[in-house]
Amino acid sequence: MTDDKNFLGLATIRRNRGISLRQIAESTKIGVRALEAIEQGEFQKLPGGIYTTSYIRQYARAIDYDEQEILAAYRRETARPQPDSSEAGRRNGKDMMGGYRPASTPV
């Protein structure tokens, strides 16, 4: 894994503490891919909802990091508006199906 997307420096902190992803996976029963997603800030790869926050909390405990700090950063990251959900995206036909706007989509 590369550090080009090292969310909060978590991967570096974990390695500096001598903890492997495999060790965390074994103790938490969270898959290595999900742990990598947390370290890279790729939260869309996690199962969602309460599972995501539970995974983040368990990861924080495993590397002895402040749970609330990670969760606050997670909430900031996920609160950002998605690029295609803007009004401009709708005007450009992003929510149209086959050239026609679905009936449930506001005009």
N, C-alpha and C. Protein backbone atom coordinates (compact mmCIF):
# COMPACT_ATOMS: atom_id res chain seq x y z
N MET A 1 0.84 -1.19 0.00
CA MET A 1 0.00 0.00 0.00
C MET A 1 0.88 1.24 0.00
N THR A 2 0.51 2.22 -0.78
CA THR A 2 1.26 3.47 -0.82
C THR A 2 0.64 4.49 0.11
N ASP A 3 1.41 5.51 0.44
CA ASP A 3 0.92 6.54 1.35
C ASP A 3 0.39 7.76 0.63
N ASP A 4 0.05 7.66 -0.66
CA ASP A 4 -0.43 8.83 -1.37
C ASP A 4 -1.76 9.35 -0.81
N LYS A 5 -2.52 8.50 -0.13
CA LYS A 5 -3.75 8.92 0.53
C LYS A 5 -3.72 8.41 1.96
N ASN A 6 -2.94 9.00 2.80
CA ASN A 6 -2.76 8.56 4.18
C ASN A 6 -3.61 9.45 5.07
N PHE A 7 -4.88 9.09 5.27
CA PHE A 7 -5.85 9.87 6.04
C PHE A 7 -5.36 10.09 7.46
N LEU A 8 -5.19 11.35 7.85
CA LEU A 8 -4.72 11.75 9.19
C LEU A 8 -3.37 11.16 9.56
N GLY A 9 -2.67 10.61 8.60
CA GLY A 9 -1.39 9.98 8.89
C GLY A 9 -1.53 8.67 9.65
N LEU A 10 -2.70 8.05 9.55
CA LEU A 10 -2.98 6.85 10.35
C LEU A 10 -2.05 5.69 10.02
N ALA A 11 -1.77 5.47 8.75
CA ALA A 11 -0.89 4.36 8.38
C ALA A 11 0.50 4.56 8.97
N THR A 12 0.98 5.79 8.94
CA THR A 12 2.30 6.09 9.50
C THR A 12 2.31 5.88 11.01
N ILE A 13 1.27 6.34 11.67
CA ILE A 13 1.16 6.16 13.12
C ILE A 13 1.15 4.68 13.47
N ARG A 14 0.33 3.92 12.73
CA ARG A 14 0.23 2.47 12.97
C ARG A 14 1.59 1.79 12.81
N ARG A 15 2.27 2.10 11.71
CA ARG A 15 3.58 1.48 11.46
C ARG A 15 4.60 1.90 12.52
N ASN A 16 4.58 3.17 12.91
CA ASN A 16 5.52 3.64 13.94
C ASN A 16 5.29 2.94 15.28
N ARG A 17 4.08 2.48 15.51
CA ARG A 17 3.77 1.76 16.75
C ARG A 17 4.00 0.27 16.60
N GLY A 18 4.47 -0.15 15.43
CA GLY A 18 4.80 -1.56 15.21
C GLY A 18 3.60 -2.47 15.09
N ILE A 19 2.51 -1.94 14.57
CA ILE A 19 1.28 -2.73 14.44
C ILE A 19 1.01 -2.97 12.96
N SER A 20 0.75 -4.21 12.60
CA SER A 20 0.44 -4.52 11.20
C SER A 20 -1.08 -4.53 10.99
N LEU A 21 -1.48 -4.34 9.74
CA LEU A 21 -2.91 -4.43 9.42
C LEU A 21 -3.45 -5.82 9.73
N ARG A 22 -2.63 -6.83 9.51
CA ARG A 22 -3.06 -8.20 9.79
C ARG A 22 -3.35 -8.37 11.28
N GLN A 23 -2.52 -7.79 12.15
CA GLN A 23 -2.76 -7.88 13.59
C GLN A 23 -4.09 -7.23 13.96
N ILE A 24 -4.35 -6.05 13.37
CA ILE A 24 -5.62 -5.36 13.65
C ILE A 24 -6.78 -6.20 13.13
N ALA A 25 -6.64 -6.76 11.93
CA ALA A 25 -7.69 -7.58 11.34
C ALA A 25 -8.01 -8.78 12.23
N GLU A 26 -6.98 -9.42 12.75
CA GLU A 26 -7.19 -10.59 13.61
C GLU A 26 -7.87 -10.23 14.92
N SER A 27 -7.50 -9.10 15.50
CA SER A 27 -8.07 -8.73 16.79
C SER A 27 -9.47 -8.13 16.68
N THR A 28 -9.77 -7.48 15.55
CA THR A 28 -11.06 -6.81 15.40
C THR A 28 -12.05 -7.58 14.53
N LYS A 29 -11.55 -8.55 13.76
CA LYS A 29 -12.35 -9.29 12.78
C LYS A 29 -12.84 -8.39 11.65
N ILE A 30 -12.10 -7.30 11.39
CA ILE A 30 -12.38 -6.40 10.28
C ILE A 30 -11.38 -6.76 9.18
N GLY A 31 -11.85 -6.87 7.96
CA GLY A 31 -10.98 -7.24 6.84
C GLY A 31 -9.89 -6.21 6.58
N VAL A 32 -8.77 -6.69 6.07
CA VAL A 32 -7.63 -5.83 5.77
C VAL A 32 -8.03 -4.74 4.77
N ARG A 33 -8.85 -5.07 3.78
CA ARG A 33 -9.27 -4.06 2.80
C ARG A 33 -10.04 -2.92 3.45
N ALA A 34 -10.89 -3.24 4.40
CA ALA A 34 -11.64 -2.20 5.11
C ALA A 34 -10.70 -1.34 5.94
N LEU A 35 -9.72 -1.97 6.57
CA LEU A 35 -8.74 -1.22 7.35
C LEU A 35 -7.92 -0.29 6.45
N GLU A 36 -7.54 -0.79 5.28
CA GLU A 36 -6.82 0.06 4.32
C GLU A 36 -7.70 1.23 3.88
N ALA A 37 -8.99 0.98 3.68
CA ALA A 37 -9.91 2.05 3.27
C ALA A 37 -9.97 3.14 4.34
N ILE A 38 -9.96 2.75 5.61
CA ILE A 38 -9.95 3.73 6.70
C ILE A 38 -8.68 4.55 6.63
N GLU A 39 -7.54 3.89 6.50
CA GLU A 39 -6.26 4.60 6.45
C GLU A 39 -6.17 5.55 5.27
N GLN A 40 -6.84 5.22 4.18
CA GLN A 40 -6.78 6.04 2.98
C GLN A 40 -7.93 7.04 2.89
N GLY A 41 -8.83 7.00 3.86
CA GLY A 41 -9.97 7.91 3.84
C GLY A 41 -10.97 7.59 2.74
N GLU A 42 -11.00 6.35 2.30
CA GLU A 42 -11.92 5.92 1.25
C GLU A 42 -13.13 5.26 1.89
N PHE A 43 -13.93 6.07 2.57
CA PHE A 43 -15.03 5.57 3.38
C PHE A 43 -16.16 4.96 2.56
N GLN A 44 -16.25 5.31 1.28
CA GLN A 44 -17.28 4.73 0.42
C GLN A 44 -17.05 3.24 0.23
N LYS A 45 -15.86 2.75 0.54
CA LYS A 45 -15.56 1.32 0.42
C LYS A 45 -16.00 0.53 1.65
N LEU A 46 -16.43 1.22 2.69
CA LEU A 46 -16.87 0.56 3.92
C LEU A 46 -18.36 0.26 3.83
N PRO A 47 -18.87 -0.63 4.68
CA PRO A 47 -20.26 -1.06 4.55
C PRO A 47 -21.31 0.03 4.80
N GLY A 48 -20.96 1.09 5.48
CA GLY A 48 -21.90 2.19 5.70
C GLY A 48 -22.56 2.15 7.07
N GLY A 49 -23.21 3.27 7.38
CA GLY A 49 -23.99 3.38 8.62
C GLY A 49 -23.18 3.13 9.87
N ILE A 50 -23.81 2.44 10.79
CA ILE A 50 -23.20 2.17 12.09
C ILE A 50 -21.99 1.25 11.96
N TYR A 51 -21.95 0.44 10.90
CA TYR A 51 -20.79 -0.43 10.70
C TYR A 51 -19.53 0.39 10.45
N THR A 52 -19.67 1.44 9.65
CA THR A 52 -18.51 2.28 9.35
C THR A 52 -17.97 2.93 10.62
N THR A 53 -18.85 3.52 11.41
CA THR A 53 -18.37 4.18 12.63
C THR A 53 -17.80 3.15 13.61
N SER A 54 -18.38 1.96 13.65
CA SER A 54 -17.83 0.90 14.51
C SER A 54 -16.45 0.49 14.04
N TYR A 55 -16.25 0.33 12.74
CA TYR A 55 -14.94 -0.02 12.20
C TYR A 55 -13.91 1.06 12.55
N ILE A 56 -14.30 2.31 12.40
CA ILE A 56 -13.38 3.42 12.68
C ILE A 56 -13.00 3.42 14.16
N ARG A 57 -13.99 3.24 15.03
CA ARG A 57 -13.70 3.19 16.48
C ARG A 57 -12.75 2.04 16.83
N GLN A 58 -13.02 0.87 16.28
CA GLN A 58 -12.17 -0.28 16.57
C GLN A 58 -10.75 -0.08 16.05
N TYR A 59 -10.64 0.52 14.87
CA TYR A 59 -9.32 0.81 14.31
C TYR A 59 -8.57 1.77 15.23
N ALA A 60 -9.26 2.82 15.67
CA ALA A 60 -8.63 3.81 16.56
C ALA A 60 -8.13 3.15 17.84
N ARG A 61 -8.94 2.30 18.44
CA ARG A 61 -8.53 1.60 19.66
C ARG A 61 -7.31 0.71 19.40
N ALA A 62 -7.31 0.05 18.25
CA ALA A 62 -6.22 -0.87 17.93
C ALA A 62 -4.88 -0.17 17.80
N ILE A 63 -4.89 1.09 17.34
CA ILE A 63 -3.61 1.81 17.21
C ILE A 63 -3.44 2.84 18.33
N ASP A 64 -4.33 2.79 19.33
CA ASP A 64 -4.28 3.70 20.48
C ASP A 64 -4.32 5.17 20.02
N TYR A 65 -5.34 5.48 19.24
CA TYR A 65 -5.54 6.82 18.69
C TYR A 65 -6.90 7.32 19.18
N ASP A 66 -7.05 8.62 19.31
CA ASP A 66 -8.29 9.22 19.81
C ASP A 66 -9.46 8.93 18.85
N GLU A 67 -10.42 8.14 19.33
CA GLU A 67 -11.59 7.78 18.52
C GLU A 67 -12.35 9.02 18.04
N GLN A 68 -12.54 9.95 18.95
CA GLN A 68 -13.34 11.13 18.60
C GLN A 68 -12.68 11.97 17.51
N GLU A 69 -11.36 12.02 17.51
CA GLU A 69 -10.65 12.78 16.47
C GLU A 69 -10.85 12.15 15.10
N ILE A 70 -10.73 10.83 15.04
CA ILE A 70 -10.93 10.14 13.77
C ILE A 70 -12.38 10.29 13.31
N LEU A 71 -13.33 10.11 14.22
CA LEU A 71 -14.74 10.21 13.85
C LEU A 71 -15.09 11.62 13.40
N ALA A 72 -14.53 12.63 14.05
CA ALA A 72 -14.78 14.01 13.62
C ALA A 72 -14.24 14.25 12.22
N ALA A 73 -13.06 13.74 11.94
CA ALA A 73 -12.47 13.89 10.60
C ALA A 73 -13.31 13.12 9.58
N TYR A 74 -13.78 11.94 9.94
CA TYR A 74 -14.65 11.14 9.06
C TYR A 74 -15.92 11.93 8.73
N ARG A 75 -16.53 12.52 9.74
CA ARG A 75 -17.77 13.29 9.51
C ARG A 75 -17.52 14.51 8.64
N ARG A 76 -16.37 15.15 8.82
CA ARG A 76 -16.04 16.29 7.94
C ARG A 76 -15.88 15.83 6.50
N GLU A 77 -15.19 14.71 6.32
CA GLU A 77 -14.97 14.19 4.97
C GLU A 77 -16.27 13.81 4.29
N THR A 78 -17.14 13.13 5.01
CA THR A 78 -18.38 12.64 4.39
C THR A 78 -19.45 13.71 4.30
N ALA A 79 -19.27 14.83 4.97
CA ALA A 79 -20.25 15.93 4.89
C ALA A 79 -20.05 16.77 3.64
N ARG A 80 -18.95 16.62 2.96
CA ARG A 80 -18.69 17.39 1.75
C ARG A 80 -19.69 17.00 0.67
N PRO A 81 -20.23 17.99 -0.05
CA PRO A 81 -21.18 17.67 -1.12
C PRO A 81 -20.49 16.91 -2.25
N GLN A 82 -21.20 15.96 -2.81
CA GLN A 82 -20.68 15.19 -3.93
C GLN A 82 -20.76 16.03 -5.19
N PRO A 83 -19.76 15.96 -6.09
CA PRO A 83 -19.72 16.82 -7.27
C PRO A 83 -20.95 16.72 -8.17
N ASP A 84 -21.51 15.52 -8.39
CA ASP A 84 -22.64 15.36 -9.29
C ASP A 84 -23.98 15.68 -8.65
N SER A 85 -24.01 15.97 -7.35
CA SER A 85 -25.28 16.24 -6.69
C SER A 85 -25.64 17.72 -6.73
N SER A 86 -24.83 18.52 -7.38
CA SER A 86 -25.10 19.95 -7.45
C SER A 86 -26.20 20.25 -8.44
N GLU A 87 -26.79 21.41 -8.35
CA GLU A 87 -27.82 21.85 -9.29
C GLU A 87 -27.26 21.89 -10.71
N ALA A 88 -26.00 22.29 -10.85
CA ALA A 88 -25.39 22.34 -12.18
C ALA A 88 -25.33 20.95 -12.79
N GLY A 89 -25.04 19.93 -11.98
CA GLY A 89 -25.01 18.56 -12.48
C GLY A 89 -26.38 18.12 -12.98
N ARG A 90 -27.44 18.51 -12.28
CA ARG A 90 -28.79 18.16 -12.72
C ARG A 90 -29.13 18.89 -14.02
N ARG A 91 -28.73 20.15 -14.14
CA ARG A 91 -29.01 20.90 -15.36
C ARG A 91 -28.27 20.33 -16.55
N ASN A 92 -27.12 19.73 -16.30
CA ASN A 92 -26.33 19.16 -17.38
C ASN A 92 -26.78 17.76 -17.77
N GLY A 93 -27.90 17.32 -17.20
CA GLY A 93 -28.45 16.02 -17.58
C GLY A 93 -27.89 14.85 -16.82
N LYS A 94 -27.20 15.06 -15.71
CA LYS A 94 -26.60 13.97 -14.96
C LYS A 94 -27.67 13.04 -14.36
N ASP A 95 -28.87 13.57 -14.08
CA ASP A 95 -29.89 12.72 -13.48
C ASP A 95 -30.95 12.29 -14.49
N MET A 96 -30.65 12.45 -15.76
CA MET A 96 -31.61 12.07 -16.79
C MET A 96 -31.33 10.64 -17.24
N MET A 97 -32.38 9.93 -17.59
CA MET A 97 -32.26 8.54 -18.02
C MET A 97 -32.63 8.47 -19.49
N GLY A 98 -31.69 8.14 -20.33
CA GLY A 98 -31.95 8.00 -21.75
C GLY A 98 -32.47 9.27 -22.39
N GLY A 99 -32.06 10.42 -21.89
CA GLY A 99 -32.52 11.67 -22.46
C GLY A 99 -33.79 12.20 -21.83
N TYR A 100 -34.44 11.39 -20.99
CA TYR A 100 -35.68 11.81 -20.34
C TYR A 100 -35.46 11.91 -18.84
N ARG A 101 -36.04 12.95 -18.26
CA ARG A 101 -35.93 13.14 -16.82
C ARG A 101 -36.95 12.23 -16.13
N PRO A 102 -36.53 11.42 -15.14
CA PRO A 102 -37.48 10.57 -14.42
C PRO A 102 -38.57 11.42 -13.77
N ALA A 103 -39.77 10.89 -13.67
CA ALA A 103 -40.92 11.62 -13.15
C ALA A 103 -40.69 12.09 -11.72
N SER A 104 -39.91 11.36 -10.93
CA SER A 104 -39.71 11.72 -9.53
C SER A 104 -38.67 12.83 -9.35
N THR A 105 -38.00 13.23 -10.40
CA THR A 105 -36.96 14.26 -10.30
C THR A 105 -37.58 15.64 -10.45
N PRO A 106 -37.34 16.54 -9.48
CA PRO A 106 -37.90 17.90 -9.59
C PRO A 106 -37.28 18.64 -10.78
N VAL A 107 -38.07 19.48 -11.40
CA VAL A 107 -37.61 20.23 -12.57
C VAL A 107 -36.89 21.47 -12.19
